[in-house]
N, C-alpha and C. Protein backbone atom coordinates (compact mmCIF):
# COMPACT_ATOMS: atom_id res chain seq x y z
N MET A 1 -76.00 57.86 29.62
CA MET A 1 -74.79 58.55 29.73
C MET A 1 -74.63 60.04 29.46
N ALA A 2 -74.63 60.44 27.90
CA ALA A 2 -74.13 61.72 26.90
C ALA A 2 -75.48 62.50 27.95
N GLY A 3 -76.42 62.16 28.39
CA GLY A 3 -76.91 63.48 28.79
C GLY A 3 -76.63 63.63 30.07
N GLU A 4 -76.21 62.49 31.28
CA GLU A 4 -75.24 63.09 32.46
C GLU A 4 -74.46 63.97 31.61
N ILE A 5 -73.29 63.39 30.58
CA ILE A 5 -71.83 64.26 30.69
C ILE A 5 -72.69 65.77 30.41
N ALA A 6 -73.36 65.87 29.95
CA ALA A 6 -74.18 67.18 29.35
C ALA A 6 -74.50 67.57 30.28
N GLU A 7 -75.33 67.17 31.29
CA GLU A 7 -75.50 68.18 32.61
C GLU A 7 -74.29 68.47 33.45
N LEU A 8 -73.22 68.13 33.77
CA LEU A 8 -71.96 68.31 34.19
C LEU A 8 -71.28 69.28 33.73
N LEU A 9 -71.38 69.28 32.58
CA LEU A 9 -70.27 70.66 31.67
C LEU A 9 -70.95 71.43 31.81
N LYS A 10 -72.38 71.80 32.35
CA LYS A 10 -73.04 72.78 32.44
C LYS A 10 -72.46 73.43 33.81
N ARG A 11 -71.43 73.22 34.53
CA ARG A 11 -70.65 73.30 35.62
C ARG A 11 -70.07 74.51 35.48
N PRO A 12 -70.16 76.18 35.93
CA PRO A 12 -69.37 76.91 35.81
C PRO A 12 -67.80 76.50 35.25
N VAL A 13 -67.19 75.42 36.48
CA VAL A 13 -65.19 75.35 36.51
C VAL A 13 -64.67 74.80 35.39
N PHE A 14 -65.84 74.58 33.78
CA PHE A 14 -65.61 73.05 33.11
C PHE A 14 -65.71 74.65 32.12
N SER A 15 -65.98 76.21 32.39
CA SER A 15 -66.10 77.09 31.65
C SER A 15 -63.96 77.13 31.49
N ARG A 16 -63.35 76.66 32.52
CA ARG A 16 -61.98 77.14 32.71
C ARG A 16 -61.34 76.83 31.13
N ASN A 17 -62.21 75.44 30.97
CA ASN A 17 -60.60 74.61 30.14
C ASN A 17 -62.19 74.43 28.80
N PHE A 18 -61.88 74.91 28.13
CA PHE A 18 -63.12 75.07 27.18
C PHE A 18 -62.65 73.72 26.24
N ASP A 19 -60.69 73.18 25.75
CA ASP A 19 -60.72 72.29 25.38
C ASP A 19 -61.09 70.96 25.64
N LEU A 20 -61.14 70.77 27.46
CA LEU A 20 -61.69 69.49 27.69
C LEU A 20 -62.95 69.66 28.03
N LYS A 21 -63.90 70.70 27.89
CA LYS A 21 -65.08 70.63 28.03
C LYS A 21 -65.75 69.94 26.55
N ASP A 22 -65.07 70.54 25.31
CA ASP A 22 -65.09 70.65 24.27
C ASP A 22 -65.19 69.11 23.72
N GLN A 23 -64.03 68.33 24.30
CA GLN A 23 -63.14 67.08 23.98
C GLN A 23 -64.56 66.30 24.49
N LEU A 24 -64.93 66.45 26.06
CA LEU A 24 -65.81 65.44 26.46
C LEU A 24 -66.96 65.39 26.52
N SER A 25 -67.44 66.54 25.44
CA SER A 25 -68.91 66.83 24.86
C SER A 25 -68.83 65.84 23.58
N ARG A 26 -68.26 66.17 23.15
CA ARG A 26 -68.27 65.20 22.09
C ARG A 26 -67.98 63.81 21.71
N SER A 27 -67.26 63.47 22.70
CA SER A 27 -66.74 61.89 22.69
C SER A 27 -67.62 61.64 22.60
N SER A 28 -68.79 62.33 24.60
CA SER A 28 -69.89 61.12 25.01
C SER A 28 -70.75 61.02 24.60
N SER A 29 -71.22 61.58 23.63
CA SER A 29 -72.19 62.21 22.92
C SER A 29 -72.31 61.55 21.22
N ARG A 30 -71.07 61.00 20.93
CA ARG A 30 -70.82 60.59 19.50
C ARG A 30 -70.70 59.15 20.46
N ILE A 31 -70.54 58.36 21.41
CA ILE A 31 -71.66 56.85 21.11
C ILE A 31 -72.41 56.26 20.98
N PRO A 32 -73.40 56.79 21.39
CA PRO A 32 -74.70 56.40 21.11
C PRO A 32 -75.04 57.17 19.41
N ALA A 33 -74.37 58.07 18.94
CA ALA A 33 -74.68 58.38 17.39
C ALA A 33 -73.95 56.76 16.95
N LEU A 34 -72.78 56.38 17.02
CA LEU A 34 -72.20 56.13 16.18
C LEU A 34 -72.78 54.41 16.54
N ILE A 35 -73.34 53.91 18.01
CA ILE A 35 -74.27 52.94 17.83
C ILE A 35 -75.58 52.39 16.51
N ALA A 36 -76.07 54.05 16.61
CA ALA A 36 -77.27 54.32 16.23
C ALA A 36 -77.26 54.14 14.83
N GLU A 37 -76.04 54.96 14.32
CA GLU A 37 -75.29 54.88 12.70
C GLU A 37 -75.40 53.52 12.12
N GLY A 38 -74.00 52.62 13.02
CA GLY A 38 -74.01 51.38 12.89
C GLY A 38 -74.91 50.40 12.75
N TYR A 39 -76.32 50.49 13.75
CA TYR A 39 -77.27 49.42 13.42
C TYR A 39 -78.09 49.79 12.19
N GLY A 40 -78.25 50.88 11.42
CA GLY A 40 -78.42 51.25 10.54
C GLY A 40 -78.22 50.62 9.03
N GLN A 41 -76.69 50.11 9.95
CA GLN A 41 -75.78 49.32 8.21
C GLN A 41 -76.65 48.71 7.67
N LEU A 42 -76.10 47.71 6.73
CA LEU A 42 -76.90 46.33 6.38
C LEU A 42 -76.11 44.88 6.06
N THR A 43 -75.07 45.10 7.41
CA THR A 43 -74.44 44.08 7.56
C THR A 43 -73.73 43.85 8.86
N ASP A 44 -73.67 42.70 9.51
CA ASP A 44 -72.97 42.73 11.03
C ASP A 44 -71.53 43.36 10.92
N ARG A 45 -71.00 42.88 9.73
CA ARG A 45 -69.45 43.44 10.01
C ARG A 45 -69.91 45.21 9.55
N HIS A 46 -70.38 45.67 9.41
CA HIS A 46 -70.15 47.13 9.16
C HIS A 46 -70.80 47.98 10.70
N LEU A 47 -71.76 46.82 11.37
CA LEU A 47 -72.46 47.47 12.72
C LEU A 47 -71.26 47.12 13.27
N ALA A 48 -70.37 45.92 13.30
CA ALA A 48 -69.18 46.11 14.11
C ALA A 48 -68.04 47.06 14.01
N VAL A 49 -68.03 47.53 12.36
CA VAL A 49 -67.25 48.50 12.67
C VAL A 49 -67.55 50.04 13.73
N TYR A 50 -68.67 50.03 13.47
CA TYR A 50 -68.93 51.46 13.74
C TYR A 50 -68.98 50.84 15.54
N LEU A 51 -69.31 49.78 15.82
CA LEU A 51 -69.53 49.48 17.04
C LEU A 51 -67.44 49.57 17.93
N GLY A 52 -67.24 49.35 17.25
CA GLY A 52 -65.74 49.28 17.52
C GLY A 52 -65.06 50.58 17.52
N ARG A 53 -65.39 51.63 16.73
CA ARG A 53 -65.40 53.07 16.82
C ARG A 53 -66.33 53.67 18.06
N ALA A 54 -67.46 53.47 18.49
CA ALA A 54 -68.29 53.62 19.37
C ALA A 54 -67.44 53.56 20.81
N ARG A 55 -66.74 52.23 20.45
CA ARG A 55 -66.04 51.97 22.00
C ARG A 55 -64.55 52.12 22.07
N GLY A 56 -64.18 52.95 20.99
CA GLY A 56 -62.99 53.76 21.14
C GLY A 56 -63.34 55.29 21.62
N SER A 57 -64.61 56.00 21.17
CA SER A 57 -64.98 56.98 22.25
C SER A 57 -64.84 56.65 23.73
N VAL A 58 -65.33 55.06 23.80
CA VAL A 58 -65.66 55.19 25.20
C VAL A 58 -64.51 55.18 26.18
N GLN A 59 -63.26 54.59 25.46
CA GLN A 59 -62.35 54.98 25.74
C GLN A 59 -61.75 55.99 25.58
N GLU A 60 -62.11 56.89 24.76
CA GLU A 60 -61.23 58.78 24.94
C GLU A 60 -62.16 59.04 26.28
N THR A 61 -63.88 58.74 26.37
CA THR A 61 -64.34 59.53 27.53
C THR A 61 -63.95 59.30 28.71
N ILE A 62 -63.48 58.17 28.77
CA ILE A 62 -62.85 57.89 30.27
C ILE A 62 -61.70 58.27 30.36
N GLY A 63 -60.77 58.91 29.69
CA GLY A 63 -59.60 59.40 29.48
C GLY A 63 -60.10 61.47 29.71
N HIS A 64 -61.10 61.29 29.15
CA HIS A 64 -61.05 63.15 29.63
C HIS A 64 -61.99 63.22 31.21
N LEU A 65 -62.61 61.90 31.31
CA LEU A 65 -62.97 61.88 32.94
C LEU A 65 -62.16 62.35 34.04
N GLU A 66 -60.84 61.52 33.59
CA GLU A 66 -60.17 60.83 34.44
C GLU A 66 -59.44 62.31 34.44
N GLN A 67 -58.67 63.34 33.24
CA GLN A 67 -58.63 64.73 33.36
C GLN A 67 -59.50 64.86 34.38
N ALA A 68 -60.45 65.58 33.81
CA ALA A 68 -61.55 66.20 35.04
C ALA A 68 -61.75 66.19 36.64
N TYR A 69 -61.06 64.98 36.99
CA TYR A 69 -60.86 64.65 37.82
C TYR A 69 -59.62 65.00 38.45
N GLN A 70 -58.39 64.91 37.55
CA GLN A 70 -57.19 65.91 38.09
C GLN A 70 -57.12 66.74 38.41
N LYS A 71 -57.45 67.81 37.16
CA LYS A 71 -57.86 68.91 37.12
C LYS A 71 -59.04 69.49 39.05
N THR A 72 -59.62 68.55 39.44
CA THR A 72 -60.51 68.85 40.78
C THR A 72 -61.80 69.32 40.10
N PHE A 73 -62.12 68.62 39.14
CA PHE A 73 -63.04 69.52 38.09
C PHE A 73 -64.57 68.46 38.73
N ILE A 74 -64.04 67.77 38.63
CA ILE A 74 -65.03 67.08 39.40
C ILE A 74 -64.77 65.71 40.36
N ALA A 75 -65.37 65.76 41.45
CA ALA A 75 -65.22 64.75 42.80
C ALA A 75 -64.77 62.89 42.30
N GLU A 76 -63.91 62.67 43.42
CA GLU A 76 -63.73 61.51 43.23
C GLU A 76 -64.77 60.67 43.37
N THR A 77 -65.90 60.54 43.79
CA THR A 77 -66.55 59.51 43.73
C THR A 77 -67.47 59.83 42.37
N GLU A 78 -67.68 60.81 41.78
CA GLU A 78 -68.82 61.40 40.28
C GLU A 78 -67.56 60.20 39.70
N SER A 79 -66.26 60.93 39.40
CA SER A 79 -65.37 60.16 38.65
C SER A 79 -65.17 58.72 38.63
N SER A 80 -65.47 57.94 39.59
CA SER A 80 -65.26 56.14 39.50
C SER A 80 -66.83 56.26 39.67
N ARG A 81 -67.96 56.28 39.73
CA ARG A 81 -68.92 56.20 39.20
C ARG A 81 -69.36 56.40 37.07
N TYR A 82 -69.21 57.63 36.70
CA TYR A 82 -68.74 57.58 35.27
C TYR A 82 -67.83 56.97 34.54
N VAL A 83 -66.84 56.62 35.36
CA VAL A 83 -65.75 55.91 34.78
C VAL A 83 -66.27 54.19 34.55
N ASP A 84 -66.87 53.75 35.83
CA ASP A 84 -66.86 52.54 35.87
C ASP A 84 -68.32 52.31 35.09
N SER A 85 -68.93 53.57 34.72
CA SER A 85 -70.58 53.47 33.97
C SER A 85 -69.89 52.99 32.85
N TYR A 86 -69.05 53.85 31.94
CA TYR A 86 -68.98 53.81 30.94
C TYR A 86 -67.52 52.91 30.73
N ASP A 87 -67.09 52.29 31.35
CA ASP A 87 -66.38 51.04 31.23
C ASP A 87 -67.51 49.54 30.93
N HIS A 88 -68.29 49.55 31.65
CA HIS A 88 -69.52 48.77 31.50
C HIS A 88 -70.04 48.71 30.29
N ILE A 89 -70.28 50.05 29.52
CA ILE A 89 -70.29 50.36 28.07
C ILE A 89 -69.98 49.66 26.93
N GLY A 90 -68.33 50.32 27.47
CA GLY A 90 -67.58 49.26 26.63
C GLY A 90 -67.46 47.77 26.61
N ARG A 91 -67.42 47.61 27.29
CA ARG A 91 -67.31 45.92 27.57
C ARG A 91 -68.85 45.90 27.20
N MET A 92 -70.01 46.30 27.04
CA MET A 92 -71.27 45.52 26.34
C MET A 92 -70.83 45.78 25.23
N LEU A 93 -70.64 46.68 24.26
CA LEU A 93 -69.67 46.74 22.88
C LEU A 93 -68.45 45.61 22.74
N THR A 94 -67.57 45.30 23.55
CA THR A 94 -66.68 43.90 23.50
C THR A 94 -67.68 42.95 23.16
N ARG A 95 -68.12 42.97 24.03
CA ARG A 95 -69.78 41.40 23.80
C ARG A 95 -70.43 41.39 22.84
N TRP A 96 -70.60 42.27 21.94
CA TRP A 96 -71.89 42.59 21.03
C TRP A 96 -70.81 42.50 19.76
N ILE A 97 -69.77 42.96 19.95
CA ILE A 97 -68.52 42.76 18.47
C ILE A 97 -68.61 41.21 18.82
N ASN A 98 -67.77 40.85 20.05
CA ASN A 98 -67.96 39.58 19.17
C ASN A 98 -68.62 38.48 19.39
N TYR A 99 -69.92 38.70 19.49
CA TYR A 99 -71.53 37.91 19.13
C TYR A 99 -71.51 38.07 17.44
N LEU A 100 -70.98 38.94 17.23
CA LEU A 100 -71.54 39.34 15.45
C LEU A 100 -70.65 38.72 15.08
N GLN A 101 -69.27 38.68 15.16
CA GLN A 101 -68.10 37.59 14.79
C GLN A 101 -68.33 36.40 14.76
N ARG A 102 -68.63 35.80 15.49
CA ARG A 102 -69.27 34.78 16.38
C ARG A 102 -70.35 34.33 15.16
N THR A 103 -71.09 34.81 14.82
CA THR A 103 -72.19 34.42 14.10
C THR A 103 -72.22 34.34 12.50
N ASP A 104 -71.29 34.82 12.70
CA ASP A 104 -70.07 34.94 10.70
C ASP A 104 -70.91 36.23 10.34
N TRP A 105 -71.22 36.69 10.49
CA TRP A 105 -71.46 38.33 9.71
C TRP A 105 -72.43 38.08 9.17
N LYS A 106 -73.83 38.00 9.47
CA LYS A 106 -74.91 37.84 8.88
C LYS A 106 -75.55 39.55 7.97
N ASP A 107 -75.76 39.16 7.04
CA ASP A 107 -76.51 40.64 6.31
C ASP A 107 -77.92 41.06 6.97
N ARG A 108 -78.42 41.39 7.22
CA ARG A 108 -79.08 42.37 7.85
C ARG A 108 -80.69 43.21 7.60
N HIS A 109 -80.28 43.04 6.28
CA HIS A 109 -81.30 43.50 6.07
C HIS A 109 -82.92 42.39 5.85
């Protein structure tokens, strides 16, 4: 999804609001980076912390997408598709965090 957002942000309309463009770019690109960084941690507890941060970035991205829609930078169909995709990612992260908690925080090395 981060790649799709990067393509979306190439539209000239986003140059009218640099802050929104920058925030949407940073929040969407942080999600895969946080997941990857978390997976490199030594314990499930540490992984879960990074997954929680990624989940926060998902919510931030959804908020920025809703702003983009309200400012008519993106169409309703695009907004719905992106928000639905990010909502799905957030739910997957929640399930992963819950799984890690149920497995009693194993060491991963």
